[in-house]
């Protein structure tokens, strides 16, 4: 699937380059999020082709060249899979990693993700993590459940809810109320990406060899 995806996107990029030369205008390839279409196109395709496992069996399509939001994968593996597309999509691209918890509690792991993005060739990377706040006592951090870890206030027994800041569609939001059902379903299915990626020398060599094969298949040196 990865090789097919790269061939498709590489073909699209080549066509953009051809149009640029032919018409003397700047044509470029954008890895668009297409937030409004992620659910709309799924409905259209399901109506036309029926329910297909792994394709139209959910209420949304995962944006762009991203690994499906529900697929369990490590942060490093996700970065390696998506990185080659950044080089092809010269009008814009992004790769994000979902972390569970406050990254300030593990700076070394956070830095490892950033360095991995840099080394893999990620042009625009994002590290998403939850930020919660109790507007009554002012606590800011992670609130698991409905009890504030600072003052002990129960959200269910108060008219003032906690503020739960999340990064959705490139924007920091405290609520999903304004998003369509498809986007709400996508956010619900998102998994956290563990920070693995410590490979042996043999594994690193195998990965580099596989990377060279992918580049050769695309006609790149």
C-alpha atoms as a PDB file:
ATOM      1  CA  UNK A   1       0.000   0.000   0.000  1.00  0.00           C
ATOM      2  CA  UNK A   2       2.879   2.372   0.797  1.00  0.00           C
ATOM      3  CA  UNK A   3       4.545   1.850  -2.574  1.00  0.00           C
ATOM      4  CA  UNK A   4       1.222   2.292  -4.385  1.00  0.00           C
ATOM      5  CA  UNK A   5       0.508   5.467  -2.460  1.00  0.00           C
ATOM      6  CA  UNK A   6       3.908   6.914  -3.275  1.00  0.00           C
ATOM      7  CA  UNK A   7       3.537   6.062  -6.961  1.00  0.00           C
ATOM      8  CA  UNK A   8       0.132   7.772  -7.102  1.00  0.00           C
ATOM      9  CA  UNK A   9       1.294  10.930  -5.346  1.00  0.00           C
ATOM     10  CA  UNK A  10       4.529  10.983  -7.347  1.00  0.00           C
ATOM     11  CA  UNK A  11       2.472  10.840 -10.559  1.00  0.00           C
ATOM     12  CA  UNK A  12       0.361  13.773  -9.360  1.00  0.00           C
ATOM     13  CA  UNK A  13       3.496  15.769  -8.550  1.00  0.00           C
ATOM     14  CA  UNK A  14       4.979  15.020 -11.974  1.00  0.00           C
ATOM     15  CA  UNK A  15       1.783  16.243 -13.646  1.00  0.00           C
ATOM     16  CA  UNK A  16       1.996  19.477 -11.662  1.00  0.00           C
ATOM     17  CA  UNK A  17       5.573  19.935 -12.833  1.00  0.00           C
ATOM     18  CA  UNK A  18       4.539  19.306 -16.433  1.00  0.00           C
ATOM     19  CA  UNK A  19       1.745  21.865 -16.221  1.00  0.00           C
ATOM     20  CA  UNK A  20       4.137  24.411 -14.735  1.00  0.00           C
ATOM     21  CA  UNK A  21       6.510  24.022 -17.653  1.00  0.00           C
ATOM     22  CA  UNK A  22       3.749  23.953 -20.255  1.00  0.00           C
ATOM     23  CA  UNK A  23       1.705  26.937 -19.060  1.00  0.00           C
ATOM     24  CA  UNK A  24       4.455  28.915 -17.294  1.00  0.00           C
ATOM     25  CA  UNK A  25       2.452  29.085 -14.075  1.00  0.00           C
ATOM     26  CA  UNK A  26       3.207  27.663 -10.667  1.00  0.00           C
ATOM     27  CA  UNK A  27       1.292  24.410 -10.237  1.00  0.00           C
ATOM     28  CA  UNK A  28       1.972  22.627  -6.969  1.00  0.00           C
ATOM     29  CA  UNK A  29       0.681  19.610  -5.053  1.00  0.00           C
ATOM     30  CA  UNK A  30      -1.093  20.217  -1.736  1.00  0.00           C
ATOM     31  CA  UNK A  31      -1.741  17.552   0.872  1.00  0.00           C
ATOM     32  CA  UNK A  32      -5.061  19.166   1.697  1.00  0.00           C
ATOM     33  CA  UNK A  33      -6.916  18.267   4.899  1.00  0.00           C
ATOM     34  CA  UNK A  34     -10.322  18.670   3.165  1.00  0.00           C
ATOM     35  CA  UNK A  35     -12.110  18.588   6.508  1.00  0.00           C
ATOM     36  CA  UNK A  36     -15.579  19.083   5.053  1.00  0.00           C
ATOM     37  CA  UNK A  37     -15.085  16.383   2.427  1.00  0.00           C
ATOM     38  CA  UNK A  38     -13.736  13.684   4.741  1.00  0.00           C
ATOM     39  CA  UNK A  39     -17.303  12.756   5.684  1.00  0.00           C
ATOM     40  CA  UNK A  40     -19.135  13.904   2.552  1.00  0.00           C
ATOM     41  CA  UNK A  41     -17.085  11.755   0.163  1.00  0.00           C
ATOM     42  CA  UNK A  42     -17.498   8.720   2.424  1.00  0.00           C
ATOM     43  CA  UNK A  43     -21.292   8.993   2.173  1.00  0.00           C
ATOM     44  CA  UNK A  44     -21.125   9.363  -1.606  1.00  0.00           C
ATOM     45  CA  UNK A  45     -18.793   6.367  -1.989  1.00  0.00           C
ATOM     46  CA  UNK A  46     -20.824   4.209   0.411  1.00  0.00           C
ATOM     47  CA  UNK A  47     -23.980   4.933  -1.559  1.00  0.00           C
ATOM     48  CA  UNK A  48     -22.245   4.036  -4.830  1.00  0.00           C
ATOM     49  CA  UNK A  49     -20.067   1.092  -3.770  1.00  0.00           C
ATOM     50  CA  UNK A  50     -21.663  -0.110  -0.553  1.00  0.00           C
ATOM     51  CA  UNK A  51     -19.945  -0.768   2.751  1.00  0.00           C
ATOM     52  CA  UNK A  52     -16.357  -1.840   2.103  1.00  0.00           C
ATOM     53  CA  UNK A  53     -14.228  -2.970   5.033  1.00  0.00           C
ATOM     54  CA  UNK A  54     -11.416  -0.563   5.743  1.00  0.00           C
ATOM     55  CA  UNK A  55     -12.738   1.962   3.220  1.00  0.00           C
ATOM     56  CA  UNK A  56     -16.369   3.035   3.625  1.00  0.00           C
ATOM     57  CA  UNK A  57     -17.175   1.266   6.898  1.00  0.00           C
ATOM     58  CA  UNK A  58     -16.539   4.407   8.949  1.00  0.00           C
ATOM     59  CA  UNK A  59     -18.143   7.854   8.880  1.00  0.00           C
ATOM     60  CA  UNK A  60     -15.006   9.559   7.566  1.00  0.00           C
ATOM     61  CA  UNK A  61     -11.849   9.232   5.513  1.00  0.00           C
ATOM     62  CA  UNK A  62      -8.548   9.938   7.215  1.00  0.00           C
ATOM     63  CA  UNK A  63      -7.090  13.115   5.737  1.00  0.00           C
ATOM     64  CA  UNK A  64      -4.418  13.264   3.109  1.00  0.00           C
ATOM     65  CA  UNK A  65      -1.578  10.691   3.204  1.00  0.00           C
ATOM     66  CA  UNK A  66      -1.900  10.147   6.953  1.00  0.00           C
ATOM     67  CA  UNK A  67      -1.869   6.712   8.514  1.00  0.00           C
ATOM     68  CA  UNK A  68      -5.523   5.992   9.486  1.00  0.00           C
ATOM     69  CA  UNK A  69      -6.229   7.742  12.777  1.00  0.00           C
ATOM     70  CA  UNK A  70      -7.447   4.504  14.395  1.00  0.00           C
ATOM     71  CA  UNK A  71      -4.439   2.391  13.380  1.00  0.00           C
ATOM     72  CA  UNK A  72      -2.189   1.418  16.321  1.00  0.00           C
ATOM     73  CA  UNK A  73       1.330   2.494  15.432  1.00  0.00           C
ATOM     74  CA  UNK A  74       4.360   3.955  17.145  1.00  0.00           C
ATOM     75  CA  UNK A  75       5.286   7.604  16.685  1.00  0.00           C
ATOM     76  CA  UNK A  76       8.534   6.717  14.905  1.00  0.00           C
ATOM     77  CA  UNK A  77       6.870   4.304  12.470  1.00  0.00           C
ATOM     78  CA  UNK A  78       4.162   6.855  11.632  1.00  0.00           C
ATOM     79  CA  UNK A  79       6.806   9.461  10.900  1.00  0.00           C
ATOM     80  CA  UNK A  80       8.773   7.096   8.650  1.00  0.00           C
ATOM     81  CA  UNK A  81       5.689   6.148   6.633  1.00  0.00           C
ATOM     82  CA  UNK A  82       4.472   9.709   6.075  1.00  0.00           C
ATOM     83  CA  UNK A  83       7.832  11.455   5.575  1.00  0.00           C
ATOM     84  CA  UNK A  84       8.321  10.552   1.866  1.00  0.00           C
ATOM     85  CA  UNK A  85       5.065  12.309   0.971  1.00  0.00           C
ATOM     86  CA  UNK A  86       6.339  15.611   2.344  1.00  0.00           C
ATOM     87  CA  UNK A  87       8.954  15.781  -0.380  1.00  0.00           C
ATOM     88  CA  UNK A  88       6.280  15.209  -3.029  1.00  0.00           C
ATOM     89  CA  UNK A  89       3.657  17.638  -1.709  1.00  0.00           C
ATOM     90  CA  UNK A  90       5.449  20.932  -2.284  1.00  0.00           C
ATOM     91  CA  UNK A  91       2.413  23.161  -1.673  1.00  0.00           C
ATOM     92  CA  UNK A  92       1.873  22.043   1.917  1.00  0.00           C
ATOM     93  CA  UNK A  93       1.916  19.014   4.188  1.00  0.00           C
ATOM     94  CA  UNK A  94       1.804  18.014   7.838  1.00  0.00           C
ATOM     95  CA  UNK A  95       2.518  15.008  10.021  1.00  0.00           C
ATOM     96  CA  UNK A  96       1.208  14.931  13.556  1.00  0.00           C
ATOM     97  CA  UNK A  97       1.822  12.687  16.528  1.00  0.00           C
ATOM     98  CA  UNK A  98      -0.741  12.170  19.292  1.00  0.00           C
ATOM     99  CA  UNK A  99       0.794  11.931  22.774  1.00  0.00           C
ATOM    100  CA  UNK A 100      -1.044  10.909  25.915  1.00  0.00           C
ATOM    101  CA  UNK A 101      -0.133  13.223  28.766  1.00  0.00           C
ATOM    102  CA  UNK A 102       1.968  16.290  29.373  1.00  0.00           C
ATOM    103  CA  UNK A 103       5.189  16.192  27.280  1.00  0.00           C
ATOM    104  CA  UNK A 104       6.889  18.526  29.744  1.00  0.00           C
ATOM    105  CA  UNK A 105       7.072  15.529  32.079  1.00  0.00           C
ATOM    106  CA  UNK A 106       9.251  13.673  29.577  1.00  0.00           C
ATOM    107  CA  UNK A 107      11.347  16.173  27.658  1.00  0.00           C
ATOM    108  CA  UNK A 108      13.711  13.479  26.389  1.00  0.00           C
ATOM    109  CA  UNK A 109      10.865  11.609  24.666  1.00  0.00           C
ATOM    110  CA  UNK A 110       9.461  14.837  23.238  1.00  0.00           C
ATOM    111  CA  UNK A 111      12.872  15.793  21.853  1.00  0.00           C
ATOM    112  CA  UNK A 112      13.275  12.317  20.355  1.00  0.00           C
ATOM    113  CA  UNK A 113      10.069  12.806  18.351  1.00  0.00           C
ATOM    114  CA  UNK A 114      11.203  16.221  17.070  1.00  0.00           C
ATOM    115  CA  UNK A 115      14.625  14.886  16.087  1.00  0.00           C
ATOM    116  CA  UNK A 116      13.015  11.925  14.338  1.00  0.00           C
ATOM    117  CA  UNK A 117      10.806  14.300  12.320  1.00  0.00           C
ATOM    118  CA  UNK A 118      13.864  16.335  11.343  1.00  0.00           C
ATOM    119  CA  UNK A 119      15.967  13.332  10.364  1.00  0.00           C
ATOM    120  CA  UNK A 120      13.142  11.727   8.370  1.00  0.00           C
ATOM    121  CA  UNK A 121      12.516  14.855   6.309  1.00  0.00           C
ATOM    122  CA  UNK A 122       9.223  16.005   7.818  1.00  0.00           C
ATOM    123  CA  UNK A 123       8.606  19.520   6.505  1.00  0.00           C
ATOM    124  CA  UNK A 124       5.884  20.457   8.969  1.00  0.00           C
ATOM    125  CA  UNK A 125       5.402  18.426  12.130  1.00  0.00           C
ATOM    126  CA  UNK A 126       3.061  18.716  15.064  1.00  0.00           C
ATOM    127  CA  UNK A 127       2.938  17.035  18.448  1.00  0.00           C
ATOM    128  CA  UNK A 128      -0.609  16.959  19.802  1.00  0.00           C
ATOM    129  CA  UNK A 129      -1.268  16.504  23.488  1.00  0.00           C
ATOM    130  CA  UNK A 130      -4.195  17.282  25.801  1.00  0.00           C
ATOM    131  CA  UNK A 131      -4.267  20.432  27.899  1.00  0.00           C
ATOM    132  CA  UNK A 132      -7.039  20.719  30.486  1.00  0.00           C
ATOM    133  CA  UNK A 133      -7.918  23.616  32.766  1.00  0.00           C
ATOM    134  CA  UNK A 134     -10.199  24.124  35.719  1.00  0.00           C
ATOM    135  CA  UNK A 135     -11.501  27.711  35.376  1.00  0.00           C
ATOM    136  CA  UNK A 136     -12.521  27.759  39.042  1.00  0.00           C
ATOM    137  CA  UNK A 137      -9.180  27.052  40.732  1.00  0.00           C
ATOM    138  CA  UNK A 138      -6.982  27.829  37.735  1.00  0.00           C
ATOM    139  CA  UNK A 139      -5.309  24.408  37.521  1.00  0.00           C
ATOM    140  CA  UNK A 140      -3.776  23.714  34.102  1.00  0.00           C
ATOM    141  CA  UNK A 141      -2.540  20.264  33.097  1.00  0.00           C
ATOM    142  CA  UNK A 142      -4.160  16.873  32.573  1.00  0.00           C
ATOM    143  CA  UNK A 143      -7.550  16.219  34.177  1.00  0.00           C
ATOM    144  CA  UNK A 144      -8.365  12.519  33.966  1.00  0.00           C
ATOM    145  CA  UNK A 145     -12.028  11.932  34.592  1.00  0.00           C
ATOM    146  CA  UNK A 146     -14.278  14.494  36.214  1.00  0.00           C
ATOM    147  CA  UNK A 147     -12.304  15.437  39.349  1.00  0.00           C
ATOM    148  CA  UNK A 148      -9.799  18.302  39.367  1.00  0.00           C
ATOM    149  CA  UNK A 149      -6.494  16.978  40.763  1.00  0.00           C
ATOM    150  CA  UNK A 150      -5.773  20.365  42.355  1.00  0.00           C
ATOM    151  CA  UNK A 151      -8.920  21.406  44.199  1.00  0.00           C
ATOM    152  CA  UNK A 152     -10.895  18.170  43.982  1.00  0.00           C
ATOM    153  CA  UNK A 153     -13.915  19.788  42.321  1.00  0.00           C
ATOM    154  CA  UNK A 154     -16.253  17.398  40.525  1.00  0.00           C
ATOM    155  CA  UNK A 155     -17.245  18.595  37.070  1.00  0.00           C
ATOM    156  CA  UNK A 156     -20.581  16.725  37.203  1.00  0.00           C
ATOM    157  CA  UNK A 157     -21.629  18.643  40.334  1.00  0.00           C
ATOM    158  CA  UNK A 158     -20.882  22.081  38.952  1.00  0.00           C
ATOM    159  CA  UNK A 159     -22.364  24.368  36.333  1.00  0.00           C
ATOM    160  CA  UNK A 160     -18.848  25.323  35.231  1.00  0.00           C
ATOM    161  CA  UNK A 161     -17.243  22.623  33.034  1.00  0.00           C
ATOM    162  CA  UNK A 162     -13.547  21.985  32.666  1.00  0.00           C
ATOM    163  CA  UNK A 163     -11.837  23.446  29.610  1.00  0.00           C
ATOM    164  CA  UNK A 164     -10.355  20.650  27.542  1.00  0.00           C
ATOM    165  CA  UNK A 165      -8.051  21.999  24.854  1.00  0.00           C
ATOM    166  CA  UNK A 166      -7.458  19.744  21.859  1.00  0.00           C
ATOM    167  CA  UNK A 167      -5.893  20.247  18.436  1.00  0.00           C
ATOM    168  CA  UNK A 168      -8.518  19.476  15.815  1.00  0.00           C
ATOM    169  CA  UNK A 169      -8.136  20.206  12.085  1.00  0.00           C
ATOM    170  CA  UNK A 170      -5.085  22.364  12.775  1.00  0.00           C
ATOM    171  CA  UNK A 171      -6.859  24.518  15.351  1.00  0.00           C
ATOM    172  CA  UNK A 172      -6.774  24.463  19.125  1.00  0.00           C
ATOM    173  CA  UNK A 173     -10.340  24.032  20.355  1.00  0.00           C
ATOM    174  CA  UNK A 174     -12.022  23.481  23.693  1.00  0.00           C
ATOM    175  CA  UNK A 175     -15.139  21.864  22.254  1.00  0.00           C
ATOM    176  CA  UNK A 176     -16.246  19.779  19.284  1.00  0.00           C
ATOM    177  CA  UNK A 177     -19.739  21.278  19.286  1.00  0.00           C
ATOM    178  CA  UNK A 178     -19.241  23.102  15.992  1.00  0.00           C
ATOM    179  CA  UNK A 179     -17.724  20.188  14.094  1.00  0.00           C
ATOM    180  CA  UNK A 180     -19.738  17.835  11.896  1.00  0.00           C
ATOM    181  CA  UNK A 181     -20.519  14.243  12.874  1.00  0.00           C
ATOM    182  CA  UNK A 182     -17.781  12.818  10.646  1.00  0.00           C
ATOM    183  CA  UNK A 183     -15.095  14.934  12.295  1.00  0.00           C
ATOM    184  CA  UNK A 184     -16.411  14.059  15.765  1.00  0.00           C
ATOM    185  CA  UNK A 185     -16.227  10.362  14.862  1.00  0.00           C
ATOM    186  CA  UNK A 186     -12.679  10.804  13.561  1.00  0.00           C
ATOM    187  CA  UNK A 187     -11.560  12.555  16.748  1.00  0.00           C
ATOM    188  CA  UNK A 188     -13.190   9.823  18.835  1.00  0.00           C
ATOM    189  CA  UNK A 189     -11.269   7.093  16.987  1.00  0.00           C
ATOM    190  CA  UNK A 190      -7.830   8.705  17.286  1.00  0.00           C
ATOM    191  CA  UNK A 191      -5.227   6.599  19.030  1.00  0.00           C
ATOM    192  CA  UNK A 192      -2.167   7.734  20.936  1.00  0.00           C
ATOM    193  CA  UNK A 193       1.240   7.026  19.445  1.00  0.00           C
ATOM    194  CA  UNK A 194       3.742   5.470  21.799  1.00  0.00           C
ATOM    195  CA  UNK A 195       7.319   6.628  21.578  1.00  0.00           C
ATOM    196  CA  UNK A 196       9.230   3.554  20.546  1.00  0.00           C
ATOM    197  CA  UNK A 197      11.694   3.446  17.726  1.00  0.00           C
ATOM    198  CA  UNK A 198      14.893   2.327  19.435  1.00  0.00           C
ATOM    199  CA  UNK A 199      16.197  -0.058  16.788  1.00  0.00           C
ATOM    200  CA  UNK A 200      19.151  -2.414  16.659  1.00  0.00           C
ATOM    201  CA  UNK A 201      21.950  -1.870  14.141  1.00  0.00           C
ATOM    202  CA  UNK A 202      20.530  -4.647  11.946  1.00  0.00           C
ATOM    203  CA  UNK A 203      17.035  -3.131  12.044  1.00  0.00           C
ATOM    204  CA  UNK A 204      18.396   0.290  11.107  1.00  0.00           C
ATOM    205  CA  UNK A 205      20.262  -1.220   8.160  1.00  0.00           C
ATOM    206  CA  UNK A 206      17.122  -3.044   7.010  1.00  0.00           C
ATOM    207  CA  UNK A 207      15.096   0.162   7.213  1.00  0.00           C
ATOM    208  CA  UNK A 208      17.665   2.137   5.242  1.00  0.00           C
ATOM    209  CA  UNK A 209      17.723  -0.595   2.587  1.00  0.00           C
ATOM    210  CA  UNK A 210      13.923  -0.539   2.346  1.00  0.00           C
ATOM    211  CA  UNK A 211      14.024   3.247   2.030  1.00  0.00           C
ATOM    212  CA  UNK A 212      16.503   3.025  -0.863  1.00  0.00           C
ATOM    213  CA  UNK A 213      14.275   0.466  -2.591  1.00  0.00           C
ATOM    214  CA  UNK A 214      11.296   2.823  -2.279  1.00  0.00           C
ATOM    215  CA  UNK A 215      13.279   5.696  -3.746  1.00  0.00           C
ATOM    216  CA  UNK A 216      14.513   3.475  -6.587  1.00  0.00           C
ATOM    217  CA  UNK A 217      10.935   2.396  -7.345  1.00  0.00           C
ATOM    218  CA  UNK A 218      10.048   6.084  -7.705  1.00  0.00           C
ATOM    219  CA  UNK A 219      13.004   6.661  -9.984  1.00  0.00           C
ATOM    220  CA  UNK A 220      14.948   8.705  -7.443  1.00  0.00           C
ATOM    221  CA  UNK A 221      18.575   8.324  -6.491  1.00  0.00           C
END
